Amino acid sequence: MSDTPARLLALLSLLQTPREWPGSELAERLEVSPRTVRRDIDRLRELGYPVQATMGAMGGYRLVAGKAMPPLLLDDEEAVAIAVGLRMAAGQPVAGMEEASVRALAKLEQVLPARLRQRVGALGAATVSMTAANGPSVDPQNLAVLAWTAANRERLRFDYQANDGSRSSRLVEPYRLVAGGRRWYLLAYDNDRDDWRIFRVDRLSAPRPTGVRVALREPPEPDAAAFVTRKMYSIVPTYEVRATLRLPAEEVIRRLGAAPDDVRPVDGHSCELRGHADTLEWLAARLLMLGCEFEVHDPPELLAYLREVGGRAVRAAGVAEG
């Protein structure tokens, strides 16, 4: 990247990410030499931007809090990605998230150029979010602390309540936050137990960064979300559903947000759904909300639950008519 002003803006955009950037990685991203990166860092400092450098194997460059902070720099894809995230955030079980998301989106739209404002507005008009099912809410401050320590490879202490109600203090090395529909999970290395552990964020309280930075450990699997999903299925009672739906496969994928591999077309008007869920109530609600005829093959527990719900509905309708 030979254009110096454009390169400085690109460098500033990278440094706004809350992490430390090794000089070699910045040079690779900007397609310049490490020496050019050092010169550009000096230029940013001369302009008043507080760029801090740390030495060592885990060192690098990062922006620190100061009086002169850079303006928000977003390219087209980043702006649309943030708008999508804010629209979807209202359905997340995070305390106060719906109102905060609306406020943040309004601020974002005010600073966007006209062409991007139109794209974001069109996206909002065409998007409808499914409200998440009721469940325990997560403190957004806790999420912010977990995300920060994971990004900066910093050890963290917090209090934790296990499924049986027992409480403990944990010392961990956060790796990734995983959003699992109605719940959030933290994948971290537990220093006291010398193993990887998964923590439900709604059961976590008083997270306290220790200030101790550590080298990144080799994760149990490259895909953190896949690892958490597999572990949850292995320790939590789950139900495997198999049902025939009188609806085209592409429509089921769109309405349920299901993975294409979970939906197999039978013909142009019906399909077979296979999937997992941890509660019968959630399975039944998702199927009934499709608004189509369907036939459940498995599990038997779901068939029994649907009969019970159907009986209640018929009785309620009879009372209403009476």
Protein backbone atom coordinates (compact mmCIF):
# COMPACT_ATOMS: atom_id res chain seq x y z
CA MET A 1 0.00 0.00 0.00
CA SER A 2 1.97 2.99 -1.32
CA ASP A 3 -0.58 5.75 -0.56
CA THR A 4 0.61 7.08 2.82
CA PRO A 5 -2.66 8.76 3.96
CA ALA A 6 -4.69 5.68 3.01
CA ARG A 7 -2.15 3.44 4.73
CA LEU A 8 -2.30 5.52 7.92
CA LEU A 9 -6.09 5.29 7.95
CA ALA A 10 -5.91 1.51 7.43
CA LEU A 11 -3.35 1.22 10.25
CA LEU A 12 -5.54 3.32 12.53
CA SER A 13 -8.54 1.13 11.71
CA LEU A 14 -6.59 -2.01 12.69
CA LEU A 15 -5.31 -0.47 15.92
CA GLN A 16 -8.86 0.36 17.01
CA THR A 17 -9.42 -3.38 17.50
CA PRO A 18 -8.96 -4.11 21.25
CA ARG A 19 -5.84 -6.28 20.97
CA GLU A 20 -2.09 -5.98 20.49
CA TRP A 21 -0.80 -6.18 16.94
CA PRO A 22 2.70 -7.56 16.32
CA GLY A 23 4.63 -5.37 13.89
CA SER A 24 5.09 -8.31 11.51
CA GLU A 25 1.31 -8.89 11.34
CA LEU A 26 0.63 -5.21 10.68
CA ALA A 27 3.25 -5.23 7.94
CA GLU A 28 1.61 -8.26 6.34
CA ARG A 29 -1.87 -6.72 6.53
CA LEU A 30 -0.70 -3.42 5.04
CA GLU A 31 1.67 -5.08 2.53
CA VAL A 32 4.65 -2.99 3.62
CA SER A 33 7.90 -3.60 5.48
CA PRO A 34 8.17 -3.64 9.32
CA ARG A 35 10.31 -0.50 9.02
CA THR A 36 7.47 1.31 7.25
CA VAL A 37 5.09 0.22 10.02
CA ARG A 38 7.41 1.72 12.64
CA ARG A 39 7.56 5.00 10.70
CA ASP A 40 3.76 5.09 10.39
CA ILE A 41 3.38 4.43 14.13
CA ASP A 42 5.66 7.41 14.79
CA ARG A 43 3.52 9.55 12.47
CA LEU A 44 0.36 8.60 14.38
CA ARG A 45 2.03 9.51 17.66
CA GLU A 46 3.04 12.89 16.21
CA LEU A 47 -0.62 13.44 15.36
CA GLY A 48 -1.55 12.80 19.00
CA TYR A 49 -2.81 9.23 18.83
CA PRO A 50 -1.75 7.27 21.95
CA VAL A 51 -0.11 4.20 20.40
CA GLN A 52 1.62 2.04 23.01
CA ALA A 53 4.33 -0.50 22.22
CA THR A 54 5.26 -3.49 24.42
CA MET A 55 8.34 -5.64 24.02
CA GLY A 56 8.73 -9.40 24.12
CA ALA A 57 7.25 -12.43 22.35
CA MET A 58 3.69 -11.35 23.21
CA GLY A 59 4.32 -7.66 22.59
CA GLY A 60 3.07 -5.39 19.87
CA TYR A 61 1.23 -2.13 19.24
CA ARG A 62 -2.15 -1.02 20.55
CA LEU A 63 -4.15 2.14 21.14
CA VAL A 64 -4.58 3.11 24.77
CA ALA A 65 -7.12 5.40 26.40
CA GLY A 66 -6.16 9.04 26.09
CA LYS A 67 -7.44 12.53 25.32
CA ALA A 68 -6.93 12.22 21.59
CA MET A 69 -8.70 9.17 20.24
CA PRO A 70 -9.23 8.54 16.52
CA PRO A 71 -12.60 8.92 14.84
CA LEU A 72 -14.58 5.76 14.16
CA LEU A 73 -13.27 4.36 10.88
CA LEU A 74 -15.50 1.86 9.12
CA ASP A 75 -15.44 0.48 5.62
CA ASP A 76 -18.68 -0.54 3.88
CA GLU A 77 -18.61 -4.16 5.02
CA GLU A 78 -17.81 -3.23 8.63
CA ALA A 79 -20.67 -0.72 8.80
CA VAL A 80 -23.20 -3.21 7.47
CA ALA A 81 -21.84 -5.92 9.78
CA ILE A 82 -22.28 -3.66 12.83
CA ALA A 83 -25.81 -2.75 11.76
CA VAL A 84 -26.73 -6.42 11.36
CA GLY A 85 -25.25 -7.20 14.76
CA LEU A 86 -27.19 -4.39 16.45
CA ARG A 87 -30.44 -5.46 14.80
CA MET A 88 -29.96 -9.05 15.94
CA ALA A 89 -28.77 -8.08 19.44
CA ALA A 90 -32.30 -7.22 20.56
CA GLY A 91 -33.11 -10.94 20.55
CA GLN A 92 -30.18 -11.87 22.78
CA PRO A 93 -30.68 -12.67 26.50
CA VAL A 94 -28.42 -9.80 27.63
CA ALA A 95 -29.83 -7.40 30.21
CA GLY A 96 -30.77 -4.04 28.65
CA MET A 97 -29.52 -5.10 25.23
CA GLU A 98 -32.62 -4.15 23.22
CA GLU A 99 -32.65 -0.50 24.34
CA ALA A 100 -28.86 -0.19 24.15
CA SER A 101 -28.85 -1.65 20.62
CA VAL A 102 -31.44 0.88 19.42
CA ARG A 103 -29.41 3.77 20.88
CA ALA A 104 -26.16 2.49 19.36
CA LEU A 105 -27.74 1.98 15.94
CA ALA A 106 -29.15 5.52 15.98
CA LYS A 107 -25.68 6.91 16.75
CA LEU A 108 -24.12 4.79 14.02
CA GLU A 109 -26.59 5.97 11.40
CA GLN A 110 -25.88 9.62 12.28
CA VAL A 111 -22.19 9.36 11.42
CA LEU A 112 -22.50 7.16 8.32
CA PRO A 113 -22.22 8.70 4.86
CA ALA A 114 -25.49 8.94 2.91
CA ARG A 115 -24.85 5.90 0.69
CA LEU A 116 -24.15 3.65 3.69
CA ARG A 117 -27.05 5.12 5.66
CA GLN A 118 -29.37 4.08 2.85
CA ARG A 119 -27.97 0.53 2.82
CA VAL A 120 -28.31 0.19 6.60
CA GLY A 121 -31.83 1.65 6.50
CA ALA A 122 -32.89 -0.80 3.78
CA LEU A 123 -31.41 -3.64 5.79
CA GLY A 124 -33.38 -2.61 8.87
CA ALA A 125 -36.64 -2.31 6.95
CA ALA A 126 -36.25 -5.81 5.50
CA THR A 127 -35.09 -7.58 8.67
CA VAL A 128 -37.25 -9.05 11.41
CA SER A 129 -35.66 -10.73 14.43
CA MET A 130 -37.14 -13.65 16.31
CA THR A 131 -37.29 -12.83 20.00
CA ALA A 132 -35.23 -15.24 22.05
CA ALA A 133 -37.05 -17.51 24.45
CA ASN A 134 -37.22 -16.51 28.08
CA GLY A 135 -34.16 -17.48 30.04
CA PRO A 136 -31.48 -16.17 32.37
CA SER A 137 -30.07 -12.82 31.28
CA VAL A 138 -26.37 -11.97 31.10
CA ASP A 139 -24.76 -8.84 32.52
CA PRO A 140 -23.31 -6.89 29.53
CA GLN A 141 -20.49 -5.60 31.75
CA ASN A 142 -19.44 -9.19 32.42
CA LEU A 143 -19.45 -9.92 28.69
CA ALA A 144 -17.24 -6.90 28.07
CA VAL A 145 -14.71 -8.01 30.70
CA LEU A 146 -14.62 -11.57 29.36
CA ALA A 147 -14.17 -10.36 25.78
CA TRP A 148 -11.40 -7.95 26.78
CA THR A 149 -9.38 -10.51 28.73
CA ALA A 150 -9.80 -13.11 25.96
CA ALA A 151 -8.59 -10.65 23.33
CA ASN A 152 -5.60 -9.59 25.45
CA ARG A 153 -4.73 -13.09 26.73
CA GLU A 154 -5.08 -12.03 30.36
CA ARG A 155 -5.84 -14.30 33.28
CA LEU A 156 -9.17 -13.75 34.97
CA ARG A 157 -10.77 -14.54 38.33
CA PHE A 158 -14.52 -14.86 38.87
CA ASP A 159 -17.09 -16.46 41.15
CA TYR A 160 -19.06 -19.34 39.68
CA GLN A 161 -22.22 -21.22 40.62
CA ALA A 162 -22.34 -24.77 39.30
CA ASN A 163 -25.46 -26.62 38.17
CA ASP A 164 -25.87 -28.20 41.63
CA GLY A 165 -25.78 -24.79 43.33
CA SER A 166 -22.24 -25.08 44.71
CA ARG A 167 -20.07 -21.95 44.49
CA SER A 168 -16.37 -21.60 43.78
CA SER A 169 -13.73 -19.06 42.82
CA ARG A 170 -12.04 -19.77 39.48
CA LEU A 171 -8.77 -18.65 37.92
CA VAL A 172 -8.86 -19.07 34.13
CA GLU A 173 -7.34 -18.03 30.83
CA PRO A 174 -10.32 -16.95 28.66
CA TYR A 175 -10.18 -18.13 25.06
CA ARG A 176 -13.54 -17.51 23.35
CA LEU A 177 -17.10 -16.39 24.08
CA VAL A 178 -19.69 -18.59 22.33
CA ALA A 179 -23.28 -17.41 21.86
CA GLY A 180 -25.55 -20.44 21.94
CA GLY A 181 -28.96 -19.01 21.03
CA ARG A 182 -30.51 -18.56 24.49
CA ARG A 183 -27.27 -18.75 26.45
CA TRP A 184 -23.67 -17.50 26.41
CA TYR A 185 -20.69 -19.73 27.20
CA LEU A 186 -17.05 -18.98 28.02
CA LEU A 187 -14.43 -21.45 26.81
CA ALA A 188 -11.36 -21.05 29.03
CA TYR A 189 -8.38 -22.91 30.41
CA ASP A 190 -8.97 -23.54 34.14
CA ASN A 191 -5.63 -23.08 35.91
CA ASP A 192 -6.75 -24.78 39.13
CA ARG A 193 -8.00 -27.89 37.31
CA ASP A 194 -5.32 -27.87 34.63
CA ASP A 195 -7.83 -28.46 31.84
CA TRP A 196 -10.19 -26.70 29.44
CA ARG A 197 -13.62 -25.87 30.86
CA ILE A 198 -16.90 -24.39 29.61
CA PHE A 199 -18.68 -21.88 31.86
CA ARG A 200 -22.21 -20.53 31.50
CA VAL A 201 -21.86 -16.76 31.60
CA ASP A 202 -25.18 -16.21 33.41
CA ARG A 203 -23.77 -18.26 36.33
CA LEU A 204 -20.60 -16.20 36.46
CA SER A 205 -20.22 -13.11 38.66
CA ALA A 206 -17.63 -10.52 39.72
CA PRO A 207 -15.10 -11.12 36.91
CA ARG A 208 -11.73 -9.60 37.93
CA PRO A 209 -8.82 -9.26 35.46
CA THR A 210 -5.54 -10.15 37.15
CA GLY A 211 -3.24 -8.08 34.94
CA VAL A 212 -1.18 -11.22 34.19
CA ARG A 213 -0.80 -11.86 30.47
CA VAL A 214 -0.06 -15.35 29.21
CA ALA A 215 0.89 -17.06 25.97
CA LEU A 216 -2.02 -18.42 23.96
CA ARG A 217 -2.56 -22.11 24.68
CA GLU A 218 -3.36 -24.61 21.97
CA PRO A 219 -7.17 -24.82 22.03
CA PRO A 220 -8.88 -28.22 22.30
CA GLU A 221 -10.29 -27.70 18.78
CA PRO A 222 -9.76 -24.97 16.17
CA ASP A 223 -13.51 -24.27 16.09
CA ALA A 224 -14.55 -23.11 19.58
CA ALA A 225 -18.27 -23.11 18.75
CA ALA A 226 -18.14 -26.69 17.46
CA PHE A 227 -16.25 -27.80 20.57
CA VAL A 228 -18.76 -26.16 22.93
CA THR A 229 -21.70 -27.62 20.99
CA ARG A 230 -20.26 -31.13 21.09
CA LYS A 231 -19.51 -30.90 24.81
CA MET A 232 -22.98 -29.58 25.59
CA TYR A 233 -24.59 -32.47 23.74
CA SER A 234 -22.42 -34.94 25.65
CA ILE A 235 -23.25 -33.66 29.17
CA VAL A 236 -26.74 -32.17 28.84
CA PRO A 237 -29.83 -34.31 28.11
CA THR A 238 -30.78 -33.58 24.51
CA TYR A 239 -33.49 -34.76 22.16
CA GLU A 240 -32.88 -35.65 18.53
CA VAL A 241 -35.86 -34.70 16.42
CA ARG A 242 -36.88 -36.21 13.09
CA ALA A 243 -40.00 -34.80 11.49
CA THR A 244 -41.62 -34.44 8.08
CA LEU A 245 -42.77 -30.88 7.37
CA ARG A 246 -45.31 -29.89 4.71
CA LEU A 247 -43.20 -26.96 3.63
CA PRO A 248 -40.42 -26.56 1.01
CA ALA A 249 -36.93 -27.15 2.38
CA GLU A 250 -35.66 -23.66 1.55
CA GLU A 251 -38.60 -22.11 3.41
CA VAL A 252 -37.91 -24.23 6.51
CA ILE A 253 -34.24 -23.19 6.44
CA ARG A 254 -35.25 -19.54 6.17
CA ARG A 255 -37.87 -19.63 8.94
CA LEU A 256 -35.92 -21.76 11.41
CA GLY A 257 -32.45 -20.51 10.60
CA ALA A 258 -31.55 -24.19 10.36
CA ALA A 259 -28.36 -25.51 8.82
CA PRO A 260 -28.95 -26.76 5.25
CA ASP A 261 -27.53 -30.16 6.26
CA ASP A 262 -30.37 -30.53 8.82
CA VAL A 263 -33.11 -30.20 6.18
CA ARG A 264 -33.55 -32.77 3.40
CA PRO A 265 -36.06 -32.10 0.59
CA VAL A 266 -38.66 -34.85 0.07
CA ASP A 267 -40.39 -33.15 -2.84
CA GLY A 268 -41.21 -29.61 -3.90
CA HIS A 269 -43.70 -29.14 -1.06
CA SER A 270 -42.24 -31.05 1.90
CA CYS A 271 -38.98 -31.91 3.62
CA GLU A 272 -37.49 -33.89 6.49
CA LEU A 273 -35.98 -32.06 9.45
CA ARG A 274 -33.30 -33.53 11.71
CA GLY A 275 -31.84 -31.66 14.65
CA HIS A 276 -31.21 -31.43 18.38
CA ALA A 277 -32.61 -29.43 21.30
CA ASP A 278 -32.27 -29.57 25.07
CA THR A 279 -35.97 -29.07 25.87
CA LEU A 280 -39.21 -30.50 24.51
CA GLU A 281 -40.89 -27.11 24.95
CA TRP A 282 -38.35 -25.48 22.62
CA LEU A 283 -38.74 -28.21 19.99
CA ALA A 284 -42.54 -28.05 20.07
CA ALA A 285 -42.63 -24.25 19.92
CA ARG A 286 -40.28 -24.14 16.93
CA LEU A 287 -42.34 -26.68 14.98
CA LEU A 288 -45.68 -25.05 15.79
CA MET A 289 -44.38 -21.59 14.86
CA LEU A 290 -43.70 -22.80 11.32
CA GLY A 291 -47.44 -22.61 10.63
CA CYS A 292 -47.55 -25.77 8.52
CA GLU A 293 -48.69 -29.38 8.88
CA PHE A 294 -46.00 -31.72 10.19
CA GLU A 295 -45.50 -35.28 11.38
CA VAL A 296 -43.05 -36.11 14.19
CA HIS A 297 -41.23 -39.46 13.92
CA ASP A 298 -38.82 -39.00 16.85
CA PRO A 299 -38.43 -38.60 19.76
CA PRO A 300 -41.42 -40.29 21.46
CA GLU A 301 -41.24 -37.74 24.30
CA LEU A 302 -42.00 -34.96 21.82
CA LEU A 303 -45.06 -36.82 20.51
CA ALA A 304 -46.38 -37.17 24.07
CA TYR A 305 -45.71 -33.51 24.81
CA LEU A 306 -47.51 -32.37 21.64
CA ARG A 307 -50.54 -34.49 22.59
CA GLU A 308 -50.58 -32.82 26.00
CA VAL A 309 -50.25 -29.34 24.53
CA GLY A 310 -52.88 -30.13 21.90
CA GLY A 311 -55.29 -31.31 24.57
CA ARG A 312 -54.84 -28.09 26.52
CA ALA A 313 -55.39 -26.05 23.37
CA VAL A 314 -58.61 -27.94 22.49
CA ARG A 315 -59.93 -27.55 26.03
CA ALA A 316 -59.09 -23.85 26.01
CA ALA A 317 -60.86 -23.39 22.67
CA GLY A 318 -63.91 -25.26 23.99
CA VAL A 319 -64.11 -23.03 27.04
CA ALA A 320 -63.80 -19.95 24.85
CA GLU A 321 -66.62 -21.13 22.57
CA GLY A 322 -68.77 -21.98 25.58
